[in-house]
Protein backbone atom coordinates (compact mmCIF):
# COMPACT_ATOMS: atom_id res chain seq x y z
CA UNK A 1 -1.66 -29.41 -16.12
CA UNK A 2 -2.00 -27.62 -12.52
CA UNK A 3 -4.96 -25.42 -12.14
CA UNK A 4 -4.81 -22.20 -10.60
CA UNK A 5 -7.69 -19.90 -9.48
CA UNK A 6 -6.79 -16.22 -9.40
CA UNK A 7 -9.50 -14.14 -7.62
CA UNK A 8 -9.58 -10.52 -8.42
CA UNK A 9 -10.31 -8.47 -11.62
CA UNK A 10 -7.81 -6.08 -11.18
CA UNK A 11 -4.00 -5.12 -12.46
CA UNK A 12 -2.42 -7.79 -10.10
CA UNK A 13 -4.98 -10.54 -10.85
CA UNK A 14 -4.19 -10.22 -14.75
CA UNK A 15 -0.59 -9.87 -14.44
CA UNK A 16 -0.42 -13.25 -12.27
CA UNK A 17 -3.27 -14.93 -14.35
CA UNK A 18 -0.95 -14.12 -17.43
CA UNK A 19 2.23 -15.28 -15.75
CA UNK A 20 0.57 -18.51 -14.74
CA UNK A 21 -0.60 -19.20 -18.40
CA UNK A 22 2.76 -18.65 -19.68
CA UNK A 23 4.08 -21.11 -17.50
CA UNK A 24 1.67 -23.73 -18.66
CA UNK A 25 -0.93 -23.51 -15.91
CA UNK A 26 -4.58 -23.48 -16.42
CA UNK A 27 -6.15 -20.35 -14.81
CA UNK A 28 -9.42 -19.73 -13.99
CA UNK A 29 -10.20 -15.81 -12.86
CA UNK A 30 -12.79 -15.15 -10.24
CA UNK A 31 -14.78 -12.22 -9.69
CA UNK A 32 -17.91 -11.00 -8.33
CA UNK A 33 -19.11 -9.91 -11.80
CA UNK A 34 -17.15 -12.48 -14.17
CA UNK A 35 -18.56 -10.62 -17.20
CA UNK A 36 -15.83 -7.97 -16.41
CA UNK A 37 -12.97 -10.39 -17.20
CA UNK A 38 -14.49 -11.30 -21.16
CA UNK A 39 -12.03 -8.99 -22.77
CA UNK A 40 -8.95 -10.71 -20.74
CA UNK A 41 -10.43 -14.21 -21.50
CA UNK A 42 -10.76 -13.53 -25.20
CA UNK A 43 -7.00 -12.24 -25.56
CA UNK A 44 -5.61 -14.81 -23.02
CA UNK A 45 -3.09 -17.23 -24.44
CA UNK A 46 -3.62 -20.70 -22.97
CA UNK A 47 -6.27 -22.78 -20.92
CA UNK A 48 -8.11 -19.49 -19.54
CA UNK A 49 -11.63 -19.36 -18.06
CA UNK A 50 -13.65 -16.95 -15.82
CA UNK A 51 -16.27 -17.55 -13.10
CA UNK A 52 -17.61 -16.42 -9.68
CA UNK A 53 -15.33 -16.36 -6.80
CA UNK A 54 -16.74 -19.51 -5.17
CA UNK A 55 -16.58 -21.53 -8.68
CA UNK A 56 -12.91 -20.39 -9.29
CA UNK A 57 -11.84 -21.47 -5.85
CA UNK A 58 -13.16 -24.69 -6.36
CA UNK A 59 -11.65 -25.32 -9.56
CA UNK A 60 -7.92 -24.12 -8.37
CA UNK A 61 -5.43 -26.60 -6.92
CA UNK A 62 -3.71 -23.20 -6.10
CA UNK A 63 -5.72 -20.09 -5.17
CA UNK A 64 -4.19 -16.76 -5.57
CA UNK A 65 -6.06 -14.08 -3.74
CA UNK A 66 -5.69 -10.83 -5.64
CA UNK A 67 -8.46 -8.55 -4.30
CA UNK A 68 -8.27 -5.34 -2.38
CA UNK A 69 -7.09 -5.80 1.30
CA UNK A 70 -10.39 -4.13 2.17
CA UNK A 71 -12.51 -6.64 0.56
CA UNK A 72 -10.27 -9.85 1.49
CA UNK A 73 -12.08 -10.97 4.42
CA UNK A 74 -15.49 -10.80 2.76
CA UNK A 75 -14.06 -13.00 -0.32
CA UNK A 76 -12.37 -15.64 1.99
CA UNK A 77 -15.77 -15.97 3.84
CA UNK A 78 -17.32 -16.76 0.52
CA UNK A 79 -14.69 -19.16 -0.42
CA UNK A 80 -13.79 -20.81 2.76
CA UNK A 81 -15.61 -24.20 2.07
CA UNK A 82 -13.56 -24.51 -1.26
CA UNK A 83 -10.10 -23.80 0.06
CA UNK A 84 -9.50 -26.39 2.84
CA UNK A 85 -5.98 -28.44 2.35
CA UNK A 86 -5.21 -25.94 -0.50
CA UNK A 87 -2.16 -23.43 -1.01
CA UNK A 88 -3.67 -19.93 -0.97
CA UNK A 89 -1.10 -17.03 -2.05
CA UNK A 90 -2.11 -14.15 -0.28
CA UNK A 91 -1.23 -10.98 -2.32
CA UNK A 92 -3.09 -8.38 -0.09
CA UNK A 93 -2.17 -5.51 2.04
CA UNK A 94 -4.47 -3.96 4.63
CA UNK A 95 -4.29 -0.44 2.96
CA UNK A 96 -6.96 1.64 4.81
CA UNK A 97 -6.38 5.30 3.44
CA UNK A 98 -4.40 7.82 1.26
CA UNK A 99 -0.65 8.22 1.99
CA UNK A 100 0.53 11.04 4.36
CA UNK A 101 3.99 12.30 3.16
CA UNK A 102 4.01 9.07 0.99
CA UNK A 103 3.34 6.58 3.78
CA UNK A 104 0.28 4.59 3.31
CA UNK A 105 -2.31 3.72 6.32
CA UNK A 106 -3.08 0.51 7.26
CA UNK A 107 -6.20 -0.74 8.89
CA UNK A 108 -4.67 -3.34 10.97
CA UNK A 109 -3.07 -2.94 14.26
CA UNK A 110 0.74 -2.96 14.86
CA UNK A 111 0.85 -6.70 16.24
CA UNK A 112 -1.45 -7.96 13.76
CA UNK A 113 -1.76 -8.56 9.99
CA UNK A 114 -4.48 -9.18 7.47
CA UNK A 115 -3.10 -12.26 6.91
CA UNK A 116 -3.23 -13.84 10.30
CA UNK A 117 -7.07 -12.53 10.19
CA UNK A 118 -7.62 -14.43 7.05
CA UNK A 119 -6.00 -17.59 8.28
CA UNK A 120 -8.12 -17.42 11.51
CA UNK A 121 -11.29 -17.23 9.08
CA UNK A 122 -10.28 -20.05 7.20
CA UNK A 123 -8.11 -22.40 9.54
CA UNK A 124 -8.14 -25.31 7.01
CA UNK A 125 -6.40 -23.48 4.00
CA UNK A 126 -2.81 -23.16 3.80
CA UNK A 127 -2.02 -19.38 3.47
CA UNK A 128 1.32 -18.15 2.07
CA UNK A 129 1.99 -14.31 1.92
CA UNK A 130 3.42 -13.65 -1.57
CA UNK A 131 3.64 -10.77 -3.86
CA UNK A 132 2.53 -8.34 -1.48
CA UNK A 133 5.91 -6.04 -1.45
CA UNK A 134 6.44 -5.13 -5.18
CA UNK A 135 4.08 -3.76 -7.86
CA UNK A 136 2.23 -5.89 -10.47
CA UNK A 137 4.40 -4.67 -13.23
CA UNK A 138 7.66 -6.53 -11.65
CA UNK A 139 5.60 -9.47 -10.39
CA UNK A 140 6.52 -11.59 -13.06
CA UNK A 141 9.92 -12.08 -14.82
CA UNK A 142 11.19 -8.60 -13.30
CA UNK A 143 13.97 -7.08 -15.27
CA UNK A 144 16.52 -5.39 -12.55
CA UNK A 145 19.88 -5.20 -11.94
CA UNK A 146 19.69 -8.43 -9.66
CA UNK A 147 17.30 -11.10 -8.71
CA UNK A 148 15.05 -9.46 -6.25
CA UNK A 149 13.85 -11.33 -3.04
CA UNK A 150 10.27 -12.22 -2.40
CA UNK A 151 9.47 -12.48 1.38
CA UNK A 152 6.85 -15.08 2.23
CA UNK A 153 5.63 -16.93 5.23
CA UNK A 154 3.16 -19.22 6.45
CA UNK A 155 2.17 -21.90 8.51
CA UNK A 156 2.45 -25.05 6.16
CA UNK A 157 5.69 -25.97 4.93
CA UNK A 158 4.60 -27.97 2.04
CA UNK A 159 2.47 -24.76 0.65
CA UNK A 160 5.66 -22.58 1.15
CA UNK A 161 7.63 -25.01 -1.09
CA UNK A 162 4.95 -24.67 -3.53
CA UNK A 163 5.04 -21.02 -3.43
CA UNK A 164 8.96 -20.86 -3.65
CA UNK A 165 8.59 -22.98 -6.79
CA UNK A 166 6.14 -20.58 -8.49
CA UNK A 167 8.44 -17.64 -7.55
CA UNK A 168 11.59 -19.34 -8.93
CA UNK A 169 9.47 -19.88 -12.21
CA UNK A 170 8.58 -16.08 -12.02
CA UNK A 171 12.08 -15.07 -11.75
CA UNK A 172 12.27 -14.50 -8.07
CA UNK A 173 14.66 -15.51 -5.19
CA UNK A 174 12.51 -16.53 -2.15
CA UNK A 175 13.14 -15.90 1.65
CA UNK A 176 11.11 -18.07 3.94
CA UNK A 177 10.35 -15.70 7.03
CA UNK A 178 8.61 -18.34 9.20
CA UNK A 179 4.96 -18.60 10.35
CA UNK A 180 1.93 -16.35 9.69
CA UNK A 181 2.94 -13.75 12.26
CA UNK A 182 5.70 -12.75 9.91
CA UNK A 183 3.19 -11.50 7.78
CA UNK A 184 3.11 -8.27 9.97
CA UNK A 185 6.46 -6.84 8.81
CA UNK A 186 6.07 -8.49 5.20
CA UNK A 187 2.97 -6.48 4.96
CA UNK A 188 4.57 -3.57 6.26
CA UNK A 189 7.14 -3.67 3.22
CA UNK A 190 4.44 -2.32 0.99
CA UNK A 191 4.65 0.72 2.82
CA UNK A 192 8.32 1.18 2.31
CA UNK A 193 8.14 -0.05 -1.22
CA UNK A 194 5.46 2.87 -2.07
CA UNK A 195 7.56 5.54 -0.66
CA UNK A 196 9.58 6.11 -3.78
CA UNK A 197 6.50 5.88 -5.89
CA UNK A 198 4.53 8.40 -3.93
CA UNK A 199 7.38 10.73 -3.45
CA UNK A 200 9.40 10.43 -6.66
CA UNK A 201 7.08 8.56 -9.01
CA UNK A 202 9.60 5.64 -9.16
CA UNK A 203 7.62 2.38 -9.12
CA UNK A 204 10.08 0.20 -10.83
CA UNK A 205 12.09 -1.38 -8.03
CA UNK A 206 12.01 -4.27 -5.33
CA UNK A 207 13.61 -5.56 -2.17
CA UNK A 208 16.58 -8.19 -2.22
CA UNK A 209 18.43 -9.70 0.76
CA UNK A 210 22.03 -9.92 0.60
CA UNK A 211 24.78 -11.61 2.51
CA UNK A 212 28.57 -11.23 3.30
CA UNK A 213 30.70 -12.43 0.42
CA UNK A 214 32.44 -15.83 1.36
């Protein structure tokens, strides 16, 4: 049984944790305050546990970073010794303020991304950007008119293969966009995804890459 650490006590962490449990993974959720996750643990179906960020990162063969973007660097700093050589699925976006006419603000510069910053902070970890361009309600087994596309990137080919296998289990097509620098446009997709939500209260949609008919 593969072991997954899901770091974060919010809705994204809960959705992905439940998804991994449903697919037979052992899941340990990490939090600054693990006691906050007691109710989730009590109701979880499968091999579920809770711990600190550091202990969860040590437990997981795969680590999922599902914290707020504003706190991601601090969490990575805490867990760096525990994630060397591991796949780290980075769901975060650098959201830095309320939306303006439906467009959220980012704290990163145009030619930078949050995942690039995290990869530099933990160079031995294998970060893969994933689950960052859709809301948590659609992250696992999305029921849409077509199979949606998850855009991923990262520097390690093996880590991206692992991410693709997980995404396939969770009901997604995957498009590998290359190295860590591709996190810049991928993170920006969250801005685009949020506009229908803020403008029309439409949060049930996802992106799909389409190709010419052969």
